[in-house]
PDB file of N, CA and C in Angstrom:
ATOM      1  N   MET A   1       0.802  -1.123  -0.064  1.00  0.00           N
ATOM      2  CA  MET A   1       0.001  -0.033   0.012  1.00  0.00           C
ATOM      3  C   MET A   1       0.888   1.204   0.006  1.00  0.00           C
ATOM      4  N   GLU A   2       0.587   2.188  -0.847  1.00  0.00           N
ATOM      5  CA  GLU A   2       1.390   3.335  -0.927  1.00  0.00           C
ATOM      6  C   GLU A   2       0.681   4.539  -0.133  1.00  0.00           C
ATOM      7  N   THR A   3       1.525   5.736   0.113  1.00  0.00           N
ATOM      8  CA  THR A   3       0.884   6.841   0.746  1.00  0.00           C
ATOM      9  C   THR A   3       1.161   8.012  -0.276  1.00  0.00           C
ATOM     10  N   ILE A   4       0.247   8.968  -0.117  1.00  0.00           N
ATOM     11  CA  ILE A   4       0.230  10.348  -0.781  1.00  0.00           C
ATOM     12  C   ILE A   4       0.103  11.333   0.193  1.00  0.00           C
ATOM     13  N   ARG A   5       0.579  12.633  -0.059  1.00  0.00           N
ATOM     14  CA  ARG A   5       0.361  13.750   0.603  1.00  0.00           C
ATOM     15  C   ARG A   5      -0.618  14.534  -0.134  1.00  0.00           C
ATOM     16  N   PRO A   6      -1.889  14.866   0.476  1.00  0.00           N
ATOM     17  CA  PRO A   6      -2.891  15.642  -0.109  1.00  0.00           C
ATOM     18  C   PRO A   6      -2.385  17.016  -0.289  1.00  0.00           C
ATOM     19  N   GLN A   7      -2.890  17.706  -1.322  1.00  0.00           N
ATOM     20  CA  GLN A   7      -2.460  19.120  -1.710  1.00  0.00           C
ATOM     21  C   GLN A   7      -3.533  20.010  -0.994  1.00  0.00           C
ATOM     22  N   GLU A   8      -3.126  21.244  -1.029  1.00  0.00           N
ATOM     23  CA  GLU A   8      -3.949  22.290  -0.553  1.00  0.00           C
ATOM     24  C   GLU A   8      -5.278  22.293  -1.329  1.00  0.00           C
ATOM     25  N   ASN A   9      -6.413  22.484  -0.555  1.00  0.00           N
ATOM     26  CA  ASN A   9      -7.794  22.578  -1.014  1.00  0.00           C
ATOM     27  C   ASN A   9      -8.266  21.161  -1.598  1.00  0.00           C
ATOM     28  N   GLN A  10      -7.523  20.050  -1.439  1.00  0.00           N
ATOM     29  CA  GLN A  10      -8.157  18.779  -1.941  1.00  0.00           C
ATOM     30  C   GLN A  10      -9.002  18.161  -0.844  1.00  0.00           C
ATOM     31  N   ASN A  11     -10.019  17.467  -1.237  1.00  0.00           N
ATOM     32  CA  ASN A  11     -10.825  16.810  -0.340  1.00  0.00           C
ATOM     33  C   ASN A  11     -10.825  15.417  -0.747  1.00  0.00           C
ATOM     34  N   ILE A  12     -11.562  14.489  -0.092  1.00  0.00           N
ATOM     35  CA  ILE A  12     -11.486  13.100  -0.142  1.00  0.00           C
ATOM     36  C   ILE A  12     -12.011  12.631  -1.553  1.00  0.00           C
ATOM     37  N   LEU A  13     -12.862  13.426  -2.116  1.00  0.00           N
ATOM     38  CA  LEU A  13     -13.408  13.128  -3.444  1.00  0.00           C
ATOM     39  C   LEU A  13     -12.410  13.443  -4.524  1.00  0.00           C
ATOM     40  N   ASP A  14     -11.599  14.502  -4.390  1.00  0.00           N
ATOM     41  CA  ASP A  14     -10.570  14.734  -5.196  1.00  0.00           C
ATOM     42  C   ASP A  14      -9.552  13.698  -5.319  1.00  0.00           C
ATOM     43  N   ILE A  15      -9.064  13.208  -4.116  1.00  0.00           N
ATOM     44  CA  ILE A  15      -8.093  12.097  -3.907  1.00  0.00           C
ATOM     45  C   ILE A  15      -8.573  10.857  -4.648  1.00  0.00           C
ATOM     46  N   SER A  16      -9.897  10.599  -4.501  1.00  0.00           N
ATOM     47  CA  SER A  16     -10.609   9.512  -5.115  1.00  0.00           C
ATOM     48  C   SER A  16     -10.471   9.634  -6.521  1.00  0.00           C
ATOM     49  N   LEU A  17     -10.761  10.663  -7.153  1.00  0.00           N
ATOM     50  CA  LEU A  17     -10.673  10.890  -8.624  1.00  0.00           C
ATOM     51  C   LEU A  17      -9.255  10.850  -9.169  1.00  0.00           C
ATOM     52  N   GLN A  18      -8.379  11.400  -8.382  1.00  0.00           N
ATOM     53  CA  GLN A  18      -6.877  11.451  -8.730  1.00  0.00           C
ATOM     54  C   GLN A  18      -6.192  10.089  -8.789  1.00  0.00           C
ATOM     55  N   GLU A  19      -6.548   9.248  -7.811  1.00  0.00           N
ATOM     56  CA  GLU A  19      -5.799   8.059  -7.522  1.00  0.00           C
ATOM     57  C   GLU A  19      -6.522   6.852  -8.223  1.00  0.00           C
ATOM     58  N   TYR A  20      -7.876   6.897  -8.368  1.00  0.00           N
ATOM     59  CA  TYR A  20      -8.578   5.793  -8.917  1.00  0.00           C
ATOM     60  C   TYR A  20      -9.523   6.090 -10.044  1.00  0.00           C
ATOM     61  N   GLY A  21      -9.555   7.395 -10.376  1.00  0.00           N
ATOM     62  CA  GLY A  21     -10.237   7.718 -11.776  1.00  0.00           C
ATOM     63  C   GLY A  21     -11.757   7.857 -11.459  1.00  0.00           C
ATOM     64  N   SER A  22     -12.207   7.753 -10.405  1.00  0.00           N
ATOM     65  CA  SER A  22     -13.733   7.897  -9.978  1.00  0.00           C
ATOM     66  C   SER A  22     -13.927   8.192  -8.576  1.00  0.00           C
ATOM     67  N   ILE A  23     -14.978   8.960  -8.344  1.00  0.00           N
ATOM     68  CA  ILE A  23     -15.442   9.208  -6.968  1.00  0.00           C
ATOM     69  C   ILE A  23     -16.188   7.958  -6.291  1.00  0.00           C
ATOM     70  N   GLU A  24     -16.337   6.895  -7.120  1.00  0.00           N
ATOM     71  CA  GLU A  24     -17.094   5.846  -6.573  1.00  0.00           C
ATOM     72  C   GLU A  24     -16.069   4.990  -5.584  1.00  0.00           C
ATOM     73  N   THR A  25     -14.882   5.265  -5.585  1.00  0.00           N
ATOM     74  CA  THR A  25     -13.913   4.538  -4.763  1.00  0.00           C
ATOM     75  C   THR A  25     -13.674   5.351  -3.377  1.00  0.00           C
ATOM     76  N   VAL A  26     -14.440   6.333  -3.114  1.00  0.00           N
ATOM     77  CA  VAL A  26     -14.223   7.087  -2.005  1.00  0.00           C
ATOM     78  C   VAL A  26     -14.286   6.375  -0.737  1.00  0.00           C
ATOM     79  N   PHE A  27     -15.258   5.310  -0.677  1.00  0.00           N
ATOM     80  CA  PHE A  27     -15.417   4.603   0.546  1.00  0.00           C
ATOM     81  C   PHE A  27     -14.210   3.516   0.741  1.00  0.00           C
ATOM     82  N   ASP A  28     -13.597   3.271  -0.444  1.00  0.00           N
ATOM     83  CA  ASP A  28     -12.389   2.435  -0.204  1.00  0.00           C
ATOM     84  C   ASP A  28     -11.237   3.225   0.461  1.00  0.00           C
ATOM     85  N   ILE A  29     -11.142   4.500   0.077  1.00  0.00           N
ATOM     86  CA  ILE A  29     -10.094   5.295   0.642  1.00  0.00           C
ATOM     87  C   ILE A  29     -10.524   5.544   2.155  1.00  0.00           C
ATOM     88  N   LEU A  30     -11.750   5.708   2.443  1.00  0.00           N
ATOM     89  CA  LEU A  30     -12.119   5.980   3.839  1.00  0.00           C
ATOM     90  C   LEU A  30     -11.922   4.518   4.627  1.00  0.00           C
ATOM     91  N   GLU A  31     -12.021   3.540   4.083  1.00  0.00           N
ATOM     92  CA  GLU A  31     -11.831   2.229   4.659  1.00  0.00           C
ATOM     93  C   GLU A  31     -10.248   2.142   5.057  1.00  0.00           C
ATOM     94  N   ASP A  32      -9.555   2.477   4.045  1.00  0.00           N
ATOM     95  CA  ASP A  32      -8.027   2.448   4.257  1.00  0.00           C
ATOM     96  C   ASP A  32      -7.421   3.439   5.285  1.00  0.00           C
ATOM     97  N   ASN A  33      -8.184   4.478   5.367  1.00  0.00           N
ATOM     98  CA  ASN A  33      -7.722   5.546   6.221  1.00  0.00           C
ATOM     99  C   ASN A  33      -8.835   5.873   7.205  1.00  0.00           C
ATOM    100  N   GLU A  34      -8.877   5.219   8.283  1.00  0.00           N
ATOM    101  CA  GLU A  34     -10.147   5.205   9.295  1.00  0.00           C
ATOM    102  C   GLU A  34     -10.163   6.532  10.058  1.00  0.00           C
ATOM    103  N   GLN A  35      -9.012   7.290  10.018  1.00  0.00           N
ATOM    104  CA  GLN A  35      -9.098   8.501  10.747  1.00  0.00           C
ATOM    105  C   GLN A  35      -9.942   9.617  10.101  1.00  0.00           C
ATOM    106  N   TYR A  36     -10.453   9.352   8.969  1.00  0.00           N
ATOM    107  CA  TYR A  36     -11.208  10.362   8.235  1.00  0.00           C
ATOM    108  C   TYR A  36     -12.704   9.814   7.975  1.00  0.00           C
ATOM    109  N   ASP A  37     -13.561  10.822   7.784  1.00  0.00           N
ATOM    110  CA  ASP A  37     -14.860  10.364   7.289  1.00  0.00           C
ATOM    111  C   ASP A  37     -15.300  11.216   6.139  1.00  0.00           C
ATOM    112  N   LEU A  38     -16.344  10.943   5.439  1.00  0.00           N
ATOM    113  CA  LEU A  38     -16.874  11.697   4.280  1.00  0.00           C
ATOM    114  C   LEU A  38     -16.871  13.177   4.501  1.00  0.00           C
ATOM    115  N   THR A  39     -17.172  13.706   5.588  1.00  0.00           N
ATOM    116  CA  THR A  39     -17.398  15.141   5.625  1.00  0.00           C
ATOM    117  C   THR A  39     -16.264  15.885   6.200  1.00  0.00           C
ATOM    118  N   GLU A  40     -15.265  15.199   6.694  1.00  0.00           N
ATOM    119  CA  GLU A  40     -14.050  15.877   7.382  1.00  0.00           C
ATOM    120  C   GLU A  40     -13.102  16.253   6.421  1.00  0.00           C
ATOM    121  N   ASP A  41     -12.520  17.395   6.654  1.00  0.00           N
ATOM    122  CA  ASP A  41     -11.384  17.954   5.672  1.00  0.00           C
ATOM    123  C   ASP A  41     -10.175  16.997   5.943  1.00  0.00           C
ATOM    124  N   ILE A  42      -9.521  16.776   4.885  1.00  0.00           N
ATOM    125  CA  ILE A  42      -8.241  16.069   5.042  1.00  0.00           C
ATOM    126  C   ILE A  42      -7.082  17.081   5.325  1.00  0.00           C
ATOM    127  N   SER A  43      -6.009  16.541   5.962  1.00  0.00           N
ATOM    128  CA  SER A  43      -4.909  17.267   6.266  1.00  0.00           C
ATOM    129  C   SER A  43      -3.922  17.226   5.250  1.00  0.00           C
ATOM    130  N   VAL A  44      -3.346  18.392   4.872  1.00  0.00           N
ATOM    131  CA  VAL A  44      -2.055  18.450   4.162  1.00  0.00           C
ATOM    132  C   VAL A  44      -0.705  17.997   4.761  1.00  0.00           C
ATOM    133  N   TYR A  45      -0.961  17.860   6.058  1.00  0.00           N
ATOM    134  CA  TYR A  45       0.260  17.386   6.855  1.00  0.00           C
ATOM    135  C   TYR A  45       0.265  15.928   7.208  1.00  0.00           C
ATOM    136  N   GLU A  46      -0.722  15.075   6.795  1.00  0.00           N
ATOM    137  CA  GLU A  46      -0.800  13.778   6.975  1.00  0.00           C
ATOM    138  C   GLU A  46      -0.895  12.878   5.791  1.00  0.00           C
ATOM    139  N   ASP A  47      -0.203  11.857   5.644  1.00  0.00           N
ATOM    140  CA  ASP A  47      -0.379  11.026   4.404  1.00  0.00           C
ATOM    141  C   ASP A  47      -1.621  10.247   4.418  1.00  0.00           C
ATOM    142  N   LEU A  48      -2.042   9.993   3.258  1.00  0.00           N
ATOM    143  CA  LEU A  48      -3.180   9.040   2.944  1.00  0.00           C
ATOM    144  C   LEU A  48      -2.702   7.660   2.318  1.00  0.00           C
ATOM    145  N   LYS A  49      -3.320   6.687   2.855  1.00  0.00           N
ATOM    146  CA  LYS A  49      -3.014   5.370   2.263  1.00  0.00           C
ATOM    147  C   LYS A  49      -3.837   5.127   0.956  1.00  0.00           C
ATOM    148  N   VAL A  50      -3.059   4.804  -0.126  1.00  0.00           N
ATOM    149  CA  VAL A  50      -3.823   4.495  -1.385  1.00  0.00           C
ATOM    150  C   VAL A  50      -2.960   3.308  -1.915  1.00  0.00           C
ATOM    151  N   GLY A  51      -3.568   2.729  -3.094  1.00  0.00           N
ATOM    152  CA  GLY A  51      -2.733   1.719  -3.660  1.00  0.00           C
ATOM    153  C   GLY A  51      -3.658   0.524  -4.257  1.00  0.00           C
ATOM    154  N   ARG A  52      -4.878   0.760  -4.122  1.00  0.00           N
ATOM    155  CA  ARG A  52      -5.789  -0.347  -4.791  1.00  0.00           C
ATOM    156  C   ARG A  52      -5.731   0.046  -6.137  1.00  0.00           C
ATOM    157  N   GLU A  53      -6.251  -1.024  -6.923  1.00  0.00           N
ATOM    158  CA  GLU A  53      -6.260  -1.003  -8.374  1.00  0.00           C
ATOM    159  C   GLU A  53      -7.268   0.207  -8.923  1.00  0.00           C
ATOM    160  N   ALA A  54      -6.860   0.837  -9.844  1.00  0.00           N
ATOM    161  CA  ALA A  54      -7.684   2.072 -10.369  1.00  0.00           C
ATOM    162  C   ALA A  54      -9.000   1.495 -10.772  1.00  0.00           C
ATOM    163  N   PHE A  55     -10.079   2.195 -10.451  1.00  0.00           N
ATOM    164  CA  PHE A  55     -11.488   1.879 -10.889  1.00  0.00           C
ATOM    165  C   PHE A  55     -11.712   2.035 -12.390  1.00  0.00           C
ATOM    166  N   LYS A  56     -11.264   3.211 -12.761  1.00  0.00           N
ATOM    167  CA  LYS A  56     -11.379   3.773 -14.109  1.00  0.00           C
ATOM    168  C   LYS A  56     -10.011   4.081 -14.577  1.00  0.00           C
ATOM    169  N   LYS A  57      -9.216   3.177 -15.160  1.00  0.00           N
ATOM    170  CA  LYS A  57      -7.953   3.260 -15.329  1.00  0.00           C
ATOM    171  C   LYS A  57      -7.565   4.381 -16.401  1.00  0.00           C
ATOM    172  N   ASP A  58      -8.401   4.578 -17.446  1.00  0.00           N
ATOM    173  CA  ASP A  58      -8.119   5.533 -18.405  1.00  0.00           C
ATOM    174  C   ASP A  58      -8.197   7.040 -17.884  1.00  0.00           C
ATOM    175  N   ILE A  59      -9.130   7.246 -16.918  1.00  0.00           N
ATOM    176  CA  ILE A  59      -9.157   8.557 -16.299  1.00  0.00           C
ATOM    177  C   ILE A  59      -7.993   8.707 -15.314  1.00  0.00           C
ATOM    178  N   GLN A  60      -7.688   7.761 -14.527  1.00  0.00           N
ATOM    179  CA  GLN A  60      -6.591   7.748 -13.706  1.00  0.00           C
ATOM    180  C   GLN A  60      -5.250   8.072 -14.427  1.00  0.00           C
ATOM    181  N   ALA A  61      -5.082   7.267 -15.516  1.00  0.00           N
ATOM    182  CA  ALA A  61      -3.821   7.483 -16.391  1.00  0.00           C
ATOM    183  C   ALA A  61      -3.774   8.868 -16.922  1.00  0.00           C
ATOM    184  N   TYR A  62      -4.955   9.418 -17.427  1.00  0.00           N
ATOM    185  CA  TYR A  62      -4.951  10.791 -17.904  1.00  0.00           C
ATOM    186  C   TYR A  62      -4.559  11.730 -16.864  1.00  0.00           C
ATOM    187  N   TYR A  63      -5.033  11.743 -15.634  1.00  0.00           N
ATOM    188  CA  TYR A  63      -4.672  12.620 -14.629  1.00  0.00           C
ATOM    189  C   TYR A  63      -3.178  12.503 -14.239  1.00  0.00           C
ATOM    190  N   SER A  64      -2.800  11.218 -14.178  1.00  0.00           N
ATOM    191  CA  SER A  64      -1.376  11.073 -13.770  1.00  0.00           C
ATOM    192  C   SER A  64      -0.342  11.563 -14.803  1.00  0.00           C
ATOM    193  N   SER A  65      -0.646  11.254 -16.117  1.00  0.00           N
ATOM    194  CA  SER A  65       0.155  11.683 -17.219  1.00  0.00           C
ATOM    195  C   SER A  65       0.260  13.129 -17.396  1.00  0.00           C
ATOM    196  N   ASN A  66      -0.804  13.861 -17.120  1.00  0.00           N
ATOM    197  CA  ASN A  66      -0.890  15.330 -17.238  1.00  0.00           C
ATOM    198  C   ASN A  66      -0.556  16.150 -15.945  1.00  0.00           C
ATOM    199  N   SER A  67      -0.261  15.350 -14.864  1.00  0.00           N
ATOM    200  CA  SER A  67       0.054  15.919 -13.583  1.00  0.00           C
ATOM    201  C   SER A  67      -1.115  16.730 -13.038  1.00  0.00           C
ATOM    202  N   ILE A  68      -2.362  16.179 -13.212  1.00  0.00           N
ATOM    203  CA  ILE A  68      -3.564  16.947 -12.741  1.00  0.00           C
ATOM    204  C   ILE A  68      -3.765  16.534 -11.276  1.00  0.00           C
ATOM    205  N   LEU A  69      -3.812  17.538 -10.479  1.00  0.00           N
ATOM    206  CA  LEU A  69      -4.193  17.135  -9.058  1.00  0.00           C
ATOM    207  C   LEU A  69      -5.465  18.024  -8.754  1.00  0.00           C
ATOM    208  N   PRO A  70      -6.660  17.442  -8.906  1.00  0.00           N
ATOM    209  CA  PRO A  70      -7.874  18.295  -8.596  1.00  0.00           C
ATOM    210  C   PRO A  70      -7.949  18.696  -7.109  1.00  0.00           C
ATOM    211  N   ALA A  71      -8.398  19.902  -7.038  1.00  0.00           N
ATOM    212  CA  ALA A  71      -8.553  20.558  -5.639  1.00  0.00           C
ATOM    213  C   ALA A  71      -9.777  21.451  -5.714  1.00  0.00           C
ATOM    214  N   THR A  72     -10.898  20.909  -5.285  1.00  0.00           N
ATOM    215  CA  THR A  72     -12.126  21.634  -5.455  1.00  0.00           C
ATOM    216  C   THR A  72     -12.535  22.207  -4.113  1.00  0.00           C
ATOM    217  N   GLY A  73     -11.771  21.939  -3.025  1.00  0.00           N
ATOM    218  CA  GLY A  73     -12.160  22.578  -1.681  1.00  0.00           C
ATOM    219  C   GLY A  73     -12.121  24.047  -1.737  1.00  0.00           C
ATOM    220  N   ALA A  74     -12.855  24.763  -0.946  1.00  0.00           N
ATOM    221  CA  ALA A  74     -12.728  26.127  -0.771  1.00  0.00           C
ATOM    222  C   ALA A  74     -11.841  26.596   0.260  1.00  0.00           C
ATOM    223  N   THR A  75     -11.223  27.761  -0.006  1.00  0.00           N
ATOM    224  CA  THR A  75     -10.272  28.239   0.963  1.00  0.00           C
ATOM    225  C   THR A  75     -11.091  29.067   1.966  1.00  0.00           C
ATOM    226  N   GLU A  76     -10.364  29.414   3.025  1.00  0.00           N
ATOM    227  CA  GLU A  76     -10.955  30.165   4.052  1.00  0.00           C
ATOM    228  C   GLU A  76     -11.394  31.596   3.569  1.00  0.00           C
ATOM    229  N   GLU A  77     -10.647  32.239   2.707  1.00  0.00           N
ATOM    230  CA  GLU A  77     -11.018  33.336   2.045  1.00  0.00           C
ATOM    231  C   GLU A  77     -12.220  33.366   1.249  1.00  0.00           C
ATOM    232  N   GLU A  78     -12.297  32.274   0.460  1.00  0.00           N
ATOM    233  CA  GLU A  78     -13.548  32.092  -0.487  1.00  0.00           C
ATOM    234  C   GLU A  78     -14.734  31.881   0.438  1.00  0.00           C
ATOM    235  N   LEU A  79     -14.628  31.162   1.494  1.00  0.00           N
ATOM    236  CA  LEU A  79     -15.662  31.078   2.409  1.00  0.00           C
ATOM    237  C   LEU A  79     -16.065  32.296   3.003  1.00  0.00           C
ATOM    238  N   LEU A  80     -15.176  33.191   3.435  1.00  0.00           N
ATOM    239  CA  LEU A  80     -15.487  34.371   3.989  1.00  0.00           C
ATOM    240  C   LEU A  80     -16.073  35.321   2.946  1.00  0.00           C
ATOM    241  N   LEU A  81     -15.637  35.354   1.673  1.00  0.00           N
ATOM    242  CA  LEU A  81     -16.204  36.263   0.674  1.00  0.00           C
ATOM    243  C   LEU A  81     -17.573  35.809   0.299  1.00  0.00           C
ATOM    244  N   ALA A  82     -17.863  34.506   0.357  1.00  0.00           N
ATOM    245  CA  ALA A  82     -19.304  34.184  -0.096  1.00  0.00           C
ATOM    246  C   ALA A  82     -20.309  34.678   0.915  1.00  0.00           C
ATOM    247  N   ASN A  83     -19.962  34.912   2.108  1.00  0.00           N
ATOM    248  CA  ASN A  83     -20.872  35.332   3.111  1.00  0.00           C
ATOM    249  C   ASN A  83     -21.025  36.913   3.076  1.00  0.00           C
ATOM    250  N   LEU A  84     -20.104  37.636   2.247  1.00  0.00           N
ATOM    251  CA  LEU A  84     -20.284  38.956   2.206  1.00  0.00           C
ATOM    252  C   LEU A  84     -21.112  39.381   0.999  1.00  0.00           C
ATOM    253  N   CYS A  85     -22.342  39.279   1.147  1.00  0.00           N
ATOM    254  CA  CYS A  85     -23.285  39.694   0.053  1.00  0.00           C
ATOM    255  C   CYS A  85     -24.458  40.383   0.694  1.00  0.00           C
ATOM    256  N   GLY A  86     -25.294  40.978  -0.298  1.00  0.00           N
ATOM    257  CA  GLY A  86     -26.527  41.638   0.192  1.00  0.00           C
ATOM    258  C   GLY A  86     -26.345  43.063   0.113  1.00  0.00           C
ATOM    259  N   ILE A  87     -27.325  43.837   0.448  1.00  0.00           N
ATOM    260  CA  ILE A  87     -27.330  45.246   0.253  1.00  0.00           C
ATOM    261  C   ILE A  87     -26.285  45.920   1.053  1.00  0.00           C
ATOM    262  N   ASP A  88     -25.804  45.438   2.180  1.00  0.00           N
ATOM    263  CA  ASP A  88     -24.745  46.077   2.949  1.00  0.00           C
ATOM    264  C   ASP A  88     -23.461  46.128   2.345  1.00  0.00           C
ATOM    265  N   TYR A  89     -23.269  45.163   1.282  1.00  0.00           N
ATOM    266  CA  TYR A  89     -21.978  45.224   0.654  1.00  0.00           C
ATOM    267  C   TYR A  89     -22.118  45.755  -0.785  1.00  0.00           C
ATOM    268  N   MET A  90     -23.145  46.376  -1.108  1.00  0.00           N
ATOM    269  CA  MET A  90     -23.389  46.920  -2.466  1.00  0.00           C
ATOM    270  C   MET A  90     -22.965  48.330  -2.401  1.00  0.00           C
ATOM    271  N   THR A  91     -22.636  48.848  -3.694  1.00  0.00           N
ATOM    272  CA  THR A  91     -22.250  50.249  -3.947  1.00  0.00           C
ATOM    273  C   THR A  91     -23.167  50.789  -5.033  1.00  0.00           C
ATOM    274  N   LEU A  92     -23.545  52.001  -4.722  1.00  0.00           N
ATOM    275  CA  LEU A  92     -24.330  52.734  -5.748  1.00  0.00           C
ATOM    276  C   LEU A  92     -23.905  52.669  -7.159  1.00  0.00           C
ATOM    277  N   GLU A  93     -24.698  52.516  -8.143  1.00  0.00           N
ATOM    278  CA  GLU A  93     -24.298  52.606  -9.533  1.00  0.00           C
ATOM    279  C   GLU A  93     -23.288  51.456 -10.066  1.00  0.00           C
ATOM    280  N   ASP A  94     -22.980  50.617  -9.131  1.00  0.00           N
ATOM    281  CA  ASP A  94     -22.094  49.550  -9.491  1.00  0.00           C
ATOM    282  C   ASP A  94     -22.883  48.210  -9.523  1.00  0.00           C
ATOM    283  N   ASP A  95     -23.246  47.822  -8.284  1.00  0.00           N
ATOM    284  CA  ASP A  95     -24.090  46.677  -8.226  1.00  0.00           C
ATOM    285  C   ASP A  95     -25.404  46.831  -7.696  1.00  0.00           C
ATOM    286  N   PHE A  96     -25.653  48.109  -7.160  1.00  0.00           N
ATOM    287  CA  PHE A  96     -27.007  48.438  -6.754  1.00  0.00           C
ATOM    288  C   PHE A  96     -27.344  49.655  -7.543  1.00  0.00           C
ATOM    289  N   ILE A  97     -28.227  49.396  -8.487  1.00  0.00           N
ATOM    290  CA  ILE A  97     -28.642  50.451  -9.448  1.00  0.00           C
ATOM    291  C   ILE A  97     -30.015  51.061  -9.119  1.00  0.00           C
ATOM    292  N   ILE A  98     -30.159  52.284  -9.004  1.00  0.00           N
ATOM    293  CA  ILE A  98     -31.394  52.903  -8.782  1.00  0.00           C
ATOM    294  C   ILE A  98     -32.075  53.428 -10.235  1.00  0.00           C
ATOM    295  N   THR A  99     -33.206  52.989 -10.464  1.00  0.00           N
ATOM    296  CA  THR A  99     -33.765  53.320 -11.753  1.00  0.00           C
ATOM    297  C   THR A  99     -34.866  54.308 -11.519  1.00  0.00           C
TER     298      THR A  99
END
């Protein structure tokens, strides 16, 4: 069994896609790494166990050969900015237009 180090903003679904070519194998990763569950953020400081056979080999090979590391998790800044909306954060004639 191999280990990998997750990258910034990667979640368990990203790792499943990167290593096995499908998110259908996410429960295999969780089984191999009992310290995590489906909703928990993974740490960039801890290795994850991987090494099972790829579920969709063509997708996994494409990601590997093109050095694609999916990272769909939101950063703290993105989460903060997502909450800054509404009339309190609008400016006249920019995004708050009076007709």
